[in-house]
Amino acid sequence: MFEAKNISVSAGAKKILDAVSLEIKAGEVIALLGANGAGKSTLLKAMCGDIKISDGEILLENRRLSEWNHCELARKRAVLPQHS
């Protein structure tokens, strides 16, 4: 299970995400929909560990994302960004 619990992301004084939660179970296919600027990409970047969250926690198999090393994460999930 991949889970974001009440995560918040800020850019300076502006909050981009405010207490957002999402749970994705193994084998599940989901669609993340919203208007431009709603925070969809920010949520995905935070869940991948590409950007720092200011509050909340992100869990992969009930372990905080920060507790995984890069090799372990590569074996558990794949990320294909639009731009590298």
N, C-alpha and C. Protein backbone atom coordinates (compact mmCIF):
# COMPACT_ATOMS: atom_id res chain seq x y z
N MET A 1 0.83 -1.17 0.00
CA MET A 1 0.00 0.00 0.00
C MET A 1 0.89 1.25 0.00
N PHE A 2 0.48 2.23 -0.76
CA PHE A 2 1.16 3.52 -0.87
C PHE A 2 0.18 4.56 -0.35
N GLU A 3 0.60 5.35 0.63
CA GLU A 3 -0.36 6.20 1.33
C GLU A 3 0.22 7.57 1.66
N ALA A 4 -0.56 8.59 1.41
CA ALA A 4 -0.24 9.95 1.85
C ALA A 4 -1.26 10.30 2.92
N LYS A 5 -0.77 10.71 4.09
CA LYS A 5 -1.67 11.02 5.20
C LYS A 5 -1.54 12.49 5.56
N ASN A 6 -2.58 13.25 5.26
CA ASN A 6 -2.66 14.67 5.65
C ASN A 6 -1.41 15.45 5.27
N ILE A 7 -0.94 15.27 4.04
CA ILE A 7 0.29 15.97 3.65
C ILE A 7 -0.01 17.40 3.21
N SER A 8 0.94 18.25 3.52
CA SER A 8 0.87 19.65 3.10
C SER A 8 2.19 20.00 2.43
N VAL A 9 2.12 20.82 1.40
CA VAL A 9 3.31 21.29 0.68
C VAL A 9 3.17 22.80 0.52
N SER A 10 4.23 23.51 0.85
CA SER A 10 4.21 24.97 0.74
C SER A 10 5.34 25.43 -0.17
N ALA A 11 5.08 26.53 -0.86
CA ALA A 11 6.10 27.22 -1.65
C ALA A 11 6.15 28.63 -1.09
N GLY A 12 7.12 28.89 -0.24
CA GLY A 12 7.15 30.17 0.46
C GLY A 12 5.98 30.25 1.41
N ALA A 13 5.23 31.31 1.34
CA ALA A 13 4.07 31.48 2.22
C ALA A 13 2.80 30.84 1.64
N LYS A 14 2.88 30.39 0.38
CA LYS A 14 1.70 29.83 -0.29
C LYS A 14 1.61 28.32 -0.08
N LYS A 15 0.45 27.86 0.41
CA LYS A 15 0.22 26.43 0.57
C LYS A 15 -0.31 25.87 -0.74
N ILE A 16 0.40 24.88 -1.29
CA ILE A 16 -0.03 24.26 -2.54
C ILE A 16 -0.94 23.07 -2.24
N LEU A 17 -0.58 22.28 -1.23
CA LEU A 17 -1.43 21.19 -0.75
C LEU A 17 -1.68 21.43 0.73
N ASP A 18 -2.90 21.18 1.17
CA ASP A 18 -3.25 21.40 2.57
C ASP A 18 -4.00 20.19 3.11
N ALA A 19 -3.31 19.36 3.88
CA ALA A 19 -3.89 18.18 4.54
C ALA A 19 -4.57 17.23 3.54
N VAL A 20 -3.82 16.84 2.50
CA VAL A 20 -4.35 15.94 1.47
C VAL A 20 -3.98 14.50 1.83
N SER A 21 -4.94 13.59 1.67
CA SER A 21 -4.70 12.17 1.93
C SER A 21 -5.08 11.37 0.69
N LEU A 22 -4.31 10.30 0.45
CA LEU A 22 -4.57 9.40 -0.68
C LEU A 22 -4.04 8.03 -0.32
N GLU A 23 -4.80 7.00 -0.62
CA GLU A 23 -4.38 5.62 -0.37
C GLU A 23 -4.48 4.84 -1.67
N ILE A 24 -3.38 4.19 -2.04
CA ILE A 24 -3.36 3.37 -3.25
C ILE A 24 -2.96 1.95 -2.85
N LYS A 25 -3.83 1.01 -3.13
CA LYS A 25 -3.57 -0.39 -2.77
C LYS A 25 -2.88 -1.10 -3.93
N ALA A 26 -2.13 -2.14 -3.62
CA ALA A 26 -1.40 -2.91 -4.63
C ALA A 26 -2.36 -3.40 -5.72
N GLY A 27 -1.98 -3.22 -6.97
CA GLY A 27 -2.77 -3.67 -8.11
C GLY A 27 -3.90 -2.72 -8.49
N GLU A 28 -4.09 -1.68 -7.74
CA GLU A 28 -5.18 -0.74 -8.00
C GLU A 28 -4.76 0.27 -9.07
N VAL A 29 -5.68 0.60 -9.94
CA VAL A 29 -5.46 1.62 -10.95
C VAL A 29 -6.34 2.81 -10.58
N ILE A 30 -5.73 3.99 -10.51
CA ILE A 30 -6.50 5.17 -10.13
C ILE A 30 -6.31 6.28 -11.16
N ALA A 31 -7.19 7.23 -11.16
CA ALA A 31 -7.06 8.44 -11.97
C ALA A 31 -7.13 9.63 -11.02
N LEU A 32 -6.22 10.55 -11.21
CA LEU A 32 -6.18 11.76 -10.39
C LEU A 32 -6.61 12.93 -11.27
N LEU A 33 -7.78 13.48 -10.98
CA LEU A 33 -8.38 14.51 -11.81
C LEU A 33 -8.50 15.82 -11.05
N GLY A 34 -8.40 16.92 -11.77
CA GLY A 34 -8.58 18.23 -11.16
C GLY A 34 -8.23 19.32 -12.15
N ALA A 35 -8.62 20.51 -11.81
CA ALA A 35 -8.34 21.67 -12.66
C ALA A 35 -6.85 21.98 -12.68
N ASN A 36 -6.43 22.75 -13.69
CA ASN A 36 -5.04 23.22 -13.74
C ASN A 36 -4.73 23.96 -12.46
N GLY A 37 -3.57 23.68 -11.88
CA GLY A 37 -3.15 24.36 -10.67
C GLY A 37 -3.77 23.82 -9.39
N ALA A 38 -4.47 22.69 -9.47
CA ALA A 38 -5.14 22.13 -8.29
C ALA A 38 -4.18 21.38 -7.37
N GLY A 39 -2.98 21.02 -7.86
CA GLY A 39 -2.00 20.34 -7.03
C GLY A 39 -1.78 18.87 -7.37
N LYS A 40 -2.29 18.41 -8.50
CA LYS A 40 -2.13 17.01 -8.88
C LYS A 40 -0.66 16.61 -9.03
N SER A 41 0.09 17.37 -9.79
CA SER A 41 1.51 17.08 -9.99
C SER A 41 2.29 17.23 -8.70
N THR A 42 1.94 18.20 -7.90
CA THR A 42 2.61 18.41 -6.61
C THR A 42 2.38 17.20 -5.70
N LEU A 43 1.16 16.68 -5.67
CA LEU A 43 0.86 15.49 -4.87
C LEU A 43 1.71 14.31 -5.33
N LEU A 44 1.79 14.09 -6.64
CA LEU A 44 2.58 12.97 -7.16
C LEU A 44 4.07 13.15 -6.87
N LYS A 45 4.58 14.37 -7.02
CA LYS A 45 5.99 14.63 -6.72
C LYS A 45 6.28 14.40 -5.24
N ALA A 46 5.36 14.80 -4.38
CA ALA A 46 5.55 14.59 -2.94
C ALA A 46 5.53 13.10 -2.62
N MET A 47 4.61 12.35 -3.22
CA MET A 47 4.53 10.92 -2.95
C MET A 47 5.74 10.16 -3.48
N CYS A 48 6.39 10.70 -4.49
CA CYS A 48 7.60 10.07 -5.03
C CYS A 48 8.85 10.48 -4.27
N GLY A 49 8.72 11.47 -3.40
CA GLY A 49 9.85 11.94 -2.64
C GLY A 49 10.68 12.99 -3.36
N ASP A 50 10.16 13.51 -4.47
CA ASP A 50 10.89 14.51 -5.25
C ASP A 50 10.84 15.90 -4.62
N ILE A 51 9.81 16.17 -3.83
CA ILE A 51 9.73 17.46 -3.14
C ILE A 51 9.42 17.20 -1.67
N LYS A 52 9.81 18.13 -0.84
CA LYS A 52 9.65 18.00 0.60
C LYS A 52 8.23 18.40 1.02
N ILE A 53 7.68 17.60 1.92
CA ILE A 53 6.37 17.96 2.48
C ILE A 53 6.59 18.75 3.77
N SER A 54 5.68 19.66 4.06
CA SER A 54 5.80 20.47 5.26
C SER A 54 5.04 19.88 6.44
N ASP A 55 4.12 18.95 6.15
CA ASP A 55 3.35 18.32 7.22
C ASP A 55 2.80 16.99 6.71
N GLY A 56 2.46 16.10 7.63
CA GLY A 56 1.91 14.81 7.29
C GLY A 56 2.98 13.77 7.08
N GLU A 57 2.59 12.63 6.49
CA GLU A 57 3.56 11.57 6.23
C GLU A 57 3.17 10.78 4.99
N ILE A 58 4.18 10.20 4.36
CA ILE A 58 3.98 9.36 3.19
C ILE A 58 4.52 7.98 3.55
N LEU A 59 3.68 6.96 3.35
CA LEU A 59 4.03 5.60 3.72
C LEU A 59 4.00 4.68 2.51
N LEU A 60 4.97 3.81 2.44
CA LEU A 60 5.00 2.73 1.45
C LEU A 60 5.12 1.45 2.26
N GLU A 61 4.13 0.60 2.16
CA GLU A 61 4.06 -0.64 2.94
C GLU A 61 4.25 -0.36 4.43
N ASN A 62 3.55 0.65 4.92
CA ASN A 62 3.53 1.05 6.33
C ASN A 62 4.87 1.54 6.87
N ARG A 63 5.80 1.91 5.98
CA ARG A 63 7.08 2.52 6.38
C ARG A 63 7.14 3.90 5.77
N ARG A 64 7.60 4.87 6.55
CA ARG A 64 7.76 6.23 6.02
C ARG A 64 8.68 6.20 4.80
N LEU A 65 8.35 6.99 3.81
CA LEU A 65 9.15 7.05 2.59
C LEU A 65 10.61 7.39 2.90
N SER A 66 10.83 8.21 3.89
CA SER A 66 12.19 8.62 4.26
C SER A 66 13.02 7.48 4.84
N GLU A 67 12.39 6.40 5.24
CA GLU A 67 13.10 5.25 5.81
C GLU A 67 13.61 4.28 4.74
N TRP A 68 13.18 4.45 3.50
CA TRP A 68 13.60 3.58 2.40
C TRP A 68 14.87 4.17 1.77
N ASN A 69 15.81 3.30 1.36
CA ASN A 69 16.94 3.81 0.58
C ASN A 69 16.58 3.74 -0.90
N HIS A 70 17.38 4.36 -1.73
CA HIS A 70 17.06 4.48 -3.16
C HIS A 70 16.92 3.13 -3.85
N CYS A 71 17.75 2.17 -3.51
CA CYS A 71 17.67 0.84 -4.14
C CYS A 71 16.38 0.13 -3.76
N GLU A 72 15.99 0.22 -2.50
CA GLU A 72 14.73 -0.40 -2.07
C GLU A 72 13.54 0.23 -2.78
N LEU A 73 13.54 1.55 -2.87
CA LEU A 73 12.44 2.24 -3.55
C LEU A 73 12.36 1.84 -5.02
N ALA A 74 13.51 1.69 -5.66
CA ALA A 74 13.53 1.32 -7.08
C ALA A 74 12.93 -0.07 -7.29
N ARG A 75 13.07 -0.94 -6.32
CA ARG A 75 12.50 -2.29 -6.44
C ARG A 75 10.99 -2.31 -6.19
N LYS A 76 10.49 -1.32 -5.46
CA LYS A 76 9.07 -1.30 -5.08
C LYS A 76 8.17 -0.46 -5.98
N ARG A 77 8.71 0.60 -6.55
CA ARG A 77 7.88 1.48 -7.37
C ARG A 77 8.72 2.09 -8.49
N ALA A 78 8.03 2.51 -9.52
CA ALA A 78 8.71 3.13 -10.67
C ALA A 78 8.11 4.52 -10.89
N VAL A 79 8.96 5.45 -11.25
CA VAL A 79 8.53 6.82 -11.53
C VAL A 79 9.06 7.21 -12.88
N LEU A 80 8.20 7.69 -13.75
CA LEU A 80 8.59 8.15 -15.06
C LEU A 80 8.13 9.60 -15.22
N PRO A 81 9.01 10.56 -14.90
CA PRO A 81 8.61 11.97 -15.00
C PRO A 81 8.47 12.44 -16.44
N GLN A 82 7.69 13.48 -16.66
CA GLN A 82 7.55 14.04 -17.99
C GLN A 82 8.83 14.71 -18.44
N HIS A 83 9.53 15.34 -17.51
CA HIS A 83 10.79 16.04 -17.79
C HIS A 83 11.83 15.57 -16.78
N SER A 84 13.04 15.37 -17.25
CA SER A 84 14.09 14.96 -16.31
C SER A 84 15.16 16.02 -16.21
